[in-house]
PDB file of all heavy atoms in Angstrom:
ATOM      1  N   LYS A   1      30.784  34.659  64.035  1.00  0.00           N
ATOM      2  CA  LYS A   1      31.225  36.042  64.220  1.00  0.00           C
ATOM      3  C   LYS A   1      30.361  36.948  63.344  1.00  0.00           C
ATOM      4  O   LYS A   1      30.243  36.749  62.142  1.00  0.00           O
ATOM      5  CB  LYS A   1      32.697  36.202  63.843  1.00  0.00           C
ATOM      6  CG  LYS A   1      33.241  37.629  63.942  1.00  0.00           C
ATOM      7  CD  LYS A   1      33.265  38.106  65.400  1.00  0.00           C
ATOM      8  CE  LYS A   1      33.727  39.558  65.487  1.00  0.00           C
ATOM      9  NZ  LYS A   1      35.146  39.760  65.115  1.00  0.00           N
ATOM     10  N   ILE A   2      29.790  37.989  63.994  1.00  0.00           N
ATOM     11  CA  ILE A   2      28.955  38.956  63.300  1.00  0.00           C
ATOM     12  C   ILE A   2      29.705  40.293  63.269  1.00  0.00           C
ATOM     13  O   ILE A   2      30.140  40.785  64.320  1.00  0.00           O
ATOM     14  CB  ILE A   2      27.586  39.156  63.991  1.00  0.00           C
ATOM     15  CG1 ILE A   2      26.867  37.801  64.134  1.00  0.00           C
ATOM     16  CG2 ILE A   2      26.732  40.140  63.233  1.00  0.00           C
ATOM     17  CD1 ILE A   2      26.569  37.118  62.839  1.00  0.00           C
ATOM     18  N   ASP A   3      29.857  40.861  62.091  1.00  0.00           N
ATOM     19  CA  ASP A   3      30.523  42.165  61.942  1.00  0.00           C
ATOM     20  C   ASP A   3      29.496  43.284  62.005  1.00  0.00           C
ATOM     21  O   ASP A   3      28.761  43.516  61.071  1.00  0.00           O
ATOM     22  CB  ASP A   3      31.266  42.201  60.611  1.00  0.00           C
ATOM     23  CG  ASP A   3      31.957  43.547  60.358  1.00  0.00           C
ATOM     24  OD1 ASP A   3      32.075  44.333  61.320  1.00  0.00           O
ATOM     25  OD2 ASP A   3      32.339  43.797  59.190  1.00  0.00           O
ATOM     26  N   THR A   4      29.467  43.970  63.163  1.00  0.00           N
ATOM     27  CA  THR A   4      28.519  45.075  63.350  1.00  0.00           C
ATOM     28  C   THR A   4      29.155  46.427  63.154  1.00  0.00           C
ATOM     29  O   THR A   4      28.541  47.453  63.465  1.00  0.00           O
ATOM     30  CB  THR A   4      27.867  44.992  64.738  1.00  0.00           C
ATOM     31  OG1 THR A   4      28.930  45.047  65.739  1.00  0.00           O
ATOM     32  CG2 THR A   4      27.048  43.729  64.900  1.00  0.00           C
ATOM     33  N   GLY A   5      30.378  46.454  62.644  1.00  0.00           N
ATOM     34  CA  GLY A   5      31.002  47.761  62.426  1.00  0.00           C
ATOM     35  C   GLY A   5      32.499  47.813  62.602  1.00  0.00           C
ATOM     36  O   GLY A   5      33.118  48.846  62.343  1.00  0.00           O
ATOM     37  N   MET A   6      33.119  46.690  63.013  1.00  0.00           N
ATOM     38  CA  MET A   6      34.584  46.689  63.147  1.00  0.00           C
ATOM     39  C   MET A   6      35.254  46.551  61.783  1.00  0.00           C
ATOM     40  O   MET A   6      36.358  47.025  61.578  1.00  0.00           O
ATOM     41  CB  MET A   6      34.993  45.516  64.055  1.00  0.00           C
ATOM     42  CG  MET A   6      36.434  45.552  64.463  1.00  0.00           C
ATOM     43  SD  MET A   6      36.786  46.918  65.558  1.00  0.00           S
ATOM     44  CE  MET A   6      38.500  46.617  65.967  1.00  0.00           C
ATOM     45  N   GLY A   7      34.560  45.876  60.855  1.00  0.00           N
ATOM     46  CA  GLY A   7      35.076  45.792  59.493  1.00  0.00           C
ATOM     47  C   GLY A   7      36.149  44.769  59.260  1.00  0.00           C
ATOM     48  O   GLY A   7      36.889  44.834  58.268  1.00  0.00           O
ATOM     49  N   ARG A   8      36.264  43.787  60.165  1.00  0.00           N
ATOM     50  CA  ARG A   8      37.268  42.728  59.963  1.00  0.00           C
ATOM     51  C   ARG A   8      36.539  41.423  59.744  1.00  0.00           C
ATOM     52  O   ARG A   8      35.848  41.236  58.733  1.00  0.00           O
ATOM     53  CB  ARG A   8      38.227  42.683  61.170  1.00  0.00           C
ATOM     54  CG  ARG A   8      38.970  44.002  61.376  1.00  0.00           C
ATOM     55  CD  ARG A   8      40.068  43.932  62.398  1.00  0.00           C
ATOM     56  NE  ARG A   8      39.632  43.473  63.691  1.00  0.00           N
ATOM     57  CZ  ARG A   8      40.310  43.723  64.817  1.00  0.00           C
ATOM     58  NH1 ARG A   8      41.383  44.432  64.801  1.00  0.00           N
ATOM     59  NH2 ARG A   8      39.844  43.269  65.968  1.00  0.00           N
ATOM     60  N   TYR A   9      36.715  40.463  60.631  1.00  0.00           N
ATOM     61  CA  TYR A   9      36.032  39.171  60.474  1.00  0.00           C
ATOM     62  C   TYR A   9      34.552  39.333  60.695  1.00  0.00           C
ATOM     63  O   TYR A   9      34.092  40.165  61.451  1.00  0.00           O
ATOM     64  CB  TYR A   9      36.542  38.149  61.494  1.00  0.00           C
ATOM     65  CG  TYR A   9      38.028  37.949  61.526  1.00  0.00           C
ATOM     66  CD1 TYR A   9      38.761  38.096  62.714  1.00  0.00           C
ATOM     67  CD2 TYR A   9      38.734  37.574  60.392  1.00  0.00           C
ATOM     68  CE1 TYR A   9      40.113  37.879  62.756  1.00  0.00           C
ATOM     69  CE2 TYR A   9      40.109  37.338  60.432  1.00  0.00           C
ATOM     70  CZ  TYR A   9      40.793  37.505  61.622  1.00  0.00           C
ATOM     71  OH  TYR A   9      42.142  37.292  61.659  1.00  0.00           O
ATOM     72  N   GLY A  10      33.779  38.443  60.058  1.00  0.00           N
ATOM     73  CA  GLY A  10      32.381  38.342  60.406  1.00  0.00           C
ATOM     74  C   GLY A  10      31.389  38.589  59.276  1.00  0.00           C
ATOM     75  O   GLY A  10      31.688  39.279  58.294  1.00  0.00           O
ATOM     76  N   PHE A  11      30.197  38.012  59.449  1.00  0.00           N
ATOM     77  CA  PHE A  11      29.095  38.230  58.544  1.00  0.00           C
ATOM     78  C   PHE A  11      28.479  39.592  58.860  1.00  0.00           C
ATOM     79  O   PHE A  11      28.161  39.888  60.002  1.00  0.00           O
ATOM     80  CB  PHE A  11      28.004  37.168  58.734  1.00  0.00           C
ATOM     81  CG  PHE A  11      28.424  35.800  58.311  1.00  0.00           C
ATOM     82  CD1 PHE A  11      28.987  34.901  59.236  1.00  0.00           C
ATOM     83  CD2 PHE A  11      28.265  35.367  56.988  1.00  0.00           C
ATOM     84  CE1 PHE A  11      29.352  33.615  58.833  1.00  0.00           C
ATOM     85  CE2 PHE A  11      28.628  34.094  56.589  1.00  0.00           C
ATOM     86  CZ  PHE A  11      29.183  33.224  57.535  1.00  0.00           C
ATOM     87  N   MET A  12      28.282  40.401  57.856  1.00  0.00           N
ATOM     88  CA  MET A  12      27.542  41.647  58.054  1.00  0.00           C
ATOM     89  C   MET A  12      26.070  41.317  58.255  1.00  0.00           C
ATOM     90  O   MET A  12      25.592  40.267  57.806  1.00  0.00           O
ATOM     91  CB  MET A  12      27.725  42.569  56.845  1.00  0.00           C
ATOM     92  CG  MET A  12      29.143  43.068  56.659  1.00  0.00           C
ATOM     93  SD  MET A  12      29.326  44.167  55.233  1.00  0.00           S
ATOM     94  CE  MET A  12      29.075  43.004  53.860  1.00  0.00           C
ATOM     95  N   PRO A  13      25.314  42.181  58.930  1.00  0.00           N
ATOM     96  CA  PRO A  13      23.902  41.918  59.144  1.00  0.00           C
ATOM     97  C   PRO A  13      23.142  41.600  57.861  1.00  0.00           C
ATOM     98  O   PRO A  13      22.190  40.808  57.854  1.00  0.00           O
ATOM     99  CB  PRO A  13      23.406  43.187  59.823  1.00  0.00           C
ATOM    100  CG  PRO A  13      24.577  43.665  60.580  1.00  0.00           C
ATOM    101  CD  PRO A  13      25.752  43.376  59.669  1.00  0.00           C
ATOM    102  N   SER A  14      23.546  42.204  56.762  1.00  0.00           N
ATOM    103  CA  SER A  14      22.882  41.978  55.475  1.00  0.00           C
ATOM    104  C   SER A  14      23.172  40.566  54.937  1.00  0.00           C
ATOM    105  O   SER A  14      22.539  40.110  53.990  1.00  0.00           O
ATOM    106  CB  SER A  14      23.332  43.014  54.457  1.00  0.00           C
ATOM    107  OG  SER A  14      24.739  42.928  54.243  1.00  0.00           O
ATOM    108  N   GLN A  15      24.140  39.856  55.554  1.00  0.00           N
ATOM    109  CA  GLN A  15      24.511  38.519  55.120  1.00  0.00           C
ATOM    110  C   GLN A  15      23.971  37.442  56.042  1.00  0.00           C
ATOM    111  O   GLN A  15      24.489  36.316  56.107  1.00  0.00           O
ATOM    112  CB  GLN A  15      26.045  38.405  55.053  1.00  0.00           C
ATOM    113  CG  GLN A  15      26.701  39.331  54.069  1.00  0.00           C
ATOM    114  CD  GLN A  15      28.220  39.293  54.154  1.00  0.00           C
ATOM    115  OE1 GLN A  15      28.793  39.380  55.249  1.00  0.00           O
ATOM    116  NE2 GLN A  15      28.870  39.131  52.999  1.00  0.00           N
ATOM    117  N   VAL A  16      22.913  37.763  56.789  1.00  0.00           N
ATOM    118  CA  VAL A  16      22.397  36.816  57.783  1.00  0.00           C
ATOM    119  C   VAL A  16      21.978  35.496  57.164  1.00  0.00           C
ATOM    120  O   VAL A  16      22.103  34.422  57.788  1.00  0.00           O
ATOM    121  CB  VAL A  16      21.230  37.466  58.580  1.00  0.00           C
ATOM    122  CG1 VAL A  16      20.026  37.741  57.686  1.00  0.00           C
ATOM    123  CG2 VAL A  16      20.847  36.581  59.746  1.00  0.00           C
ATOM    124  N   GLU A  17      21.489  35.513  55.924  1.00  0.00           N
ATOM    125  CA  GLU A  17      21.094  34.258  55.286  1.00  0.00           C
ATOM    126  C   GLU A  17      22.278  33.315  55.075  1.00  0.00           C
ATOM    127  O   GLU A  17      22.187  32.114  55.239  1.00  0.00           O
ATOM    128  CB  GLU A  17      20.395  34.540  53.945  1.00  0.00           C
ATOM    129  CG  GLU A  17      19.030  35.183  54.102  1.00  0.00           C
ATOM    130  CD  GLU A  17      18.305  35.354  52.772  1.00  0.00           C
ATOM    131  OE1 GLU A  17      18.854  34.906  51.743  1.00  0.00           O
ATOM    132  OE2 GLU A  17      17.204  35.953  52.778  1.00  0.00           O
ATOM    133  N   ASP A  18      23.446  33.910  54.732  1.00  0.00           N
ATOM    134  CA  ASP A  18      24.665  33.125  54.603  1.00  0.00           C
ATOM    135  C   ASP A  18      25.106  32.586  55.964  1.00  0.00           C
ATOM    136  O   ASP A  18      25.570  31.458  56.077  1.00  0.00           O
ATOM    137  CB  ASP A  18      25.782  33.944  53.974  1.00  0.00           C
ATOM    138  CG  ASP A  18      25.639  34.106  52.477  1.00  0.00           C
ATOM    139  OD1 ASP A  18      24.848  33.347  51.886  1.00  0.00           O
ATOM    140  OD2 ASP A  18      26.288  35.020  51.911  1.00  0.00           O
ATOM    141  N   ALA A  19      24.951  33.424  56.993  1.00  0.00           N
ATOM    142  CA  ALA A  19      25.326  33.009  58.346  1.00  0.00           C
ATOM    143  C   ALA A  19      24.494  31.801  58.766  1.00  0.00           C
ATOM    144  O   ALA A  19      25.023  30.855  59.384  1.00  0.00           O
ATOM    145  CB  ALA A  19      25.118  34.160  59.323  1.00  0.00           C
ATOM    146  N   ILE A  20      23.226  31.817  58.445  1.00  0.00           N
ATOM    147  CA  ILE A  20      22.317  30.719  58.821  1.00  0.00           C
ATOM    148  C   ILE A  20      22.730  29.418  58.143  1.00  0.00           C
ATOM    149  O   ILE A  20      22.624  28.327  58.736  1.00  0.00           O
ATOM    150  CB  ILE A  20      20.841  31.088  58.479  1.00  0.00           C
ATOM    151  CG1 ILE A  20      20.386  32.230  59.406  1.00  0.00           C
ATOM    152  CG2 ILE A  20      19.936  29.885  58.604  1.00  0.00           C
ATOM    153  CD1 ILE A  20      19.043  32.849  59.029  1.00  0.00           C
ATOM    154  N   LYS A  21      23.246  29.503  56.943  1.00  0.00           N
ATOM    155  CA  LYS A  21      23.687  28.313  56.212  1.00  0.00           C
ATOM    156  C   LYS A  21      24.804  27.572  56.935  1.00  0.00           C
ATOM    157  O   LYS A  21      24.944  26.348  56.793  1.00  0.00           O
ATOM    158  CB  LYS A  21      24.139  28.700  54.812  1.00  0.00           C
ATOM    159  CG  LYS A  21      23.056  29.195  53.875  1.00  0.00           C
ATOM    160  CD  LYS A  21      23.628  29.623  52.524  1.00  0.00           C
ATOM    161  CE  LYS A  21      22.559  30.211  51.627  1.00  0.00           C
ATOM    162  NZ  LYS A  21      23.115  30.693  50.331  1.00  0.00           N
ATOM    163  N   CYS A  22      25.591  28.287  57.705  1.00  0.00           N
ATOM    164  CA  CYS A  22      26.717  27.674  58.406  1.00  0.00           C
ATOM    165  C   CYS A  22      26.289  26.585  59.371  1.00  0.00           C
ATOM    166  O   CYS A  22      27.019  25.631  59.651  1.00  0.00           O
ATOM    167  CB  CYS A  22      27.525  28.727  59.140  1.00  0.00           C
ATOM    168  SG  CYS A  22      28.358  29.938  58.080  1.00  0.00           S
ATOM    169  N   TYR A  23      25.074  26.743  59.906  1.00  0.00           N
ATOM    170  CA  TYR A  23      24.578  25.788  60.911  1.00  0.00           C
ATOM    171  C   TYR A  23      24.252  24.428  60.299  1.00  0.00           C
ATOM    172  O   TYR A  23      23.984  23.488  61.044  1.00  0.00           O
ATOM    173  CB  TYR A  23      23.345  26.375  61.599  1.00  0.00           C
ATOM    174  CG  TYR A  23      23.676  27.552  62.502  1.00  0.00           C
ATOM    175  CD1 TYR A  23      23.845  28.840  61.975  1.00  0.00           C
ATOM    176  CD2 TYR A  23      23.827  27.392  63.865  1.00  0.00           C
ATOM    177  CE1 TYR A  23      24.183  29.907  62.792  1.00  0.00           C
ATOM    178  CE2 TYR A  23      24.147  28.464  64.702  1.00  0.00           C
ATOM    179  CZ  TYR A  23      24.333  29.708  64.153  1.00  0.00           C
ATOM    180  OH  TYR A  23      24.654  30.784  64.951  1.00  0.00           O
ATOM    181  N   ASP A  24      24.278  24.323  58.987  1.00  0.00           N
ATOM    182  CA  ASP A  24      23.912  23.071  58.342  1.00  0.00           C
ATOM    183  C   ASP A  24      25.121  22.188  57.990  1.00  0.00           C
ATOM    184  O   ASP A  24      24.967  21.085  57.501  1.00  0.00           O
ATOM    185  CB  ASP A  24      23.113  23.346  57.063  1.00  0.00           C
ATOM    186  CG  ASP A  24      21.780  24.012  57.349  1.00  0.00           C
ATOM    187  OD1 ASP A  24      21.204  23.707  58.407  1.00  0.00           O
ATOM    188  OD2 ASP A  24      21.318  24.836  56.520  1.00  0.00           O
ATOM    189  N   PHE A  25      26.336  22.676  58.306  1.00  0.00           N
ATOM    190  CA  PHE A  25      27.517  21.853  58.040  1.00  0.00           C
ATOM    191  C   PHE A  25      27.593  20.744  59.091  1.00  0.00           C
ATOM    192  O   PHE A  25      27.557  21.003  60.294  1.00  0.00           O
ATOM    193  CB  PHE A  25      28.793  22.708  58.072  1.00  0.00           C
ATOM    194  CG  PHE A  25      28.980  23.574  56.858  1.00  0.00           C
ATOM    195  CD1 PHE A  25      28.551  24.899  56.852  1.00  0.00           C
ATOM    196  CD2 PHE A  25      29.547  23.060  55.707  1.00  0.00           C
ATOM    197  CE1 PHE A  25      28.714  25.695  55.717  1.00  0.00           C
ATOM    198  CE2 PHE A  25      29.717  23.833  54.573  1.00  0.00           C
ATOM    199  CZ  PHE A  25      29.298  25.177  54.579  1.00  0.00           C
ATOM    200  N   SER A  26      27.720  19.511  58.624  1.00  0.00           N
ATOM    201  CA  SER A  26      27.614  18.372  59.528  1.00  0.00           C
ATOM    202  C   SER A  26      28.755  18.212  60.521  1.00  0.00           C
ATOM    203  O   SER A  26      28.598  17.587  61.566  1.00  0.00           O
ATOM    204  CB  SER A  26      27.466  17.071  58.701  1.00  0.00           C
ATOM    205  OG  SER A  26      28.574  16.906  57.839  1.00  0.00           O
ATOM    206  N   ASN A  27      29.922  18.753  60.196  1.00  0.00           N
ATOM    207  CA  ASN A  27      31.064  18.591  61.084  1.00  0.00           C
ATOM    208  C   ASN A  27      31.367  19.827  61.956  1.00  0.00           C
ATOM    209  O   ASN A  27      32.404  19.921  62.579  1.00  0.00           O
ATOM    210  CB  ASN A  27      32.321  18.201  60.285  1.00  0.00           C
ATOM    211  CG  ASN A  27      32.221  16.816  59.712  1.00  0.00           C
ATOM    212  OD1 ASN A  27      31.725  16.640  58.603  1.00  0.00           O
ATOM    213  ND2 ASN A  27      32.677  15.813  60.487  1.00  0.00           N
ATOM    214  N   LEU A  28      30.409  20.764  61.969  1.00  0.00           N
ATOM    215  CA  LEU A  28      30.529  21.954  62.785  1.00  0.00           C
ATOM    216  C   LEU A  28      29.406  21.990  63.825  1.00  0.00           C
ATOM    217  O   LEU A  28      28.248  21.701  63.506  1.00  0.00           O
ATOM    218  CB  LEU A  28      30.463  23.237  61.938  1.00  0.00           C
ATOM    219  CG  LEU A  28      31.460  23.346  60.781  1.00  0.00           C
ATOM    220  CD1 LEU A  28      31.319  24.696  60.072  1.00  0.00           C
ATOM    221  CD2 LEU A  28      32.901  23.151  61.260  1.00  0.00           C
ATOM    222  N   GLU A  29      29.760  22.308  65.048  1.00  0.00           N
ATOM    223  CA  GLU A  29      28.773  22.439  66.119  1.00  0.00           C
ATOM    224  C   GLU A  29      28.825  23.858  66.670  1.00  0.00           C
ATOM    225  O   GLU A  29      29.798  24.240  67.338  1.00  0.00           O
ATOM    226  CB  GLU A  29      29.051  21.440  67.242  1.00  0.00           C
ATOM    227  CG  GLU A  29      28.081  21.552  68.417  1.00  0.00           C
ATOM    228  CD  GLU A  29      28.474  20.689  69.589  1.00  0.00           C
ATOM    229  OE1 GLU A  29      29.529  20.015  69.515  1.00  0.00           O
ATOM    230  OE2 GLU A  29      27.719  20.680  70.590  1.00  0.00           O
ATOM    231  N   PHE A  30      27.815  24.647  66.373  1.00  0.00           N
ATOM    232  CA  PHE A  30      27.835  26.050  66.819  1.00  0.00           C
ATOM    233  C   PHE A  30      27.336  26.152  68.254  1.00  0.00           C
ATOM    234  O   PHE A  30      26.224  25.771  68.581  1.00  0.00           O
ATOM    235  CB  PHE A  30      26.994  26.911  65.883  1.00  0.00           C
ATOM    236  CG  PHE A  30      27.698  27.222  64.595  1.00  0.00           C
ATOM    237  CD1 PHE A  30      27.633  26.358  63.522  1.00  0.00           C
ATOM    238  CD2 PHE A  30      28.491  28.359  64.484  1.00  0.00           C
ATOM    239  CE1 PHE A  30      28.334  26.598  62.341  1.00  0.00           C
ATOM    240  CE2 PHE A  30      29.186  28.641  63.312  1.00  0.00           C
ATOM    241  CZ  PHE A  30      29.117  27.756  62.235  1.00  0.00           C
TER     242      PHE A  30
END
């Protein structure tokens, strides 16, 4: 989930590096 202005759930665009880290969790399939 990317937060582009709703202000609730999601990574803000400035947090894209943290968002990318999520893809490395072994038990999650994006």
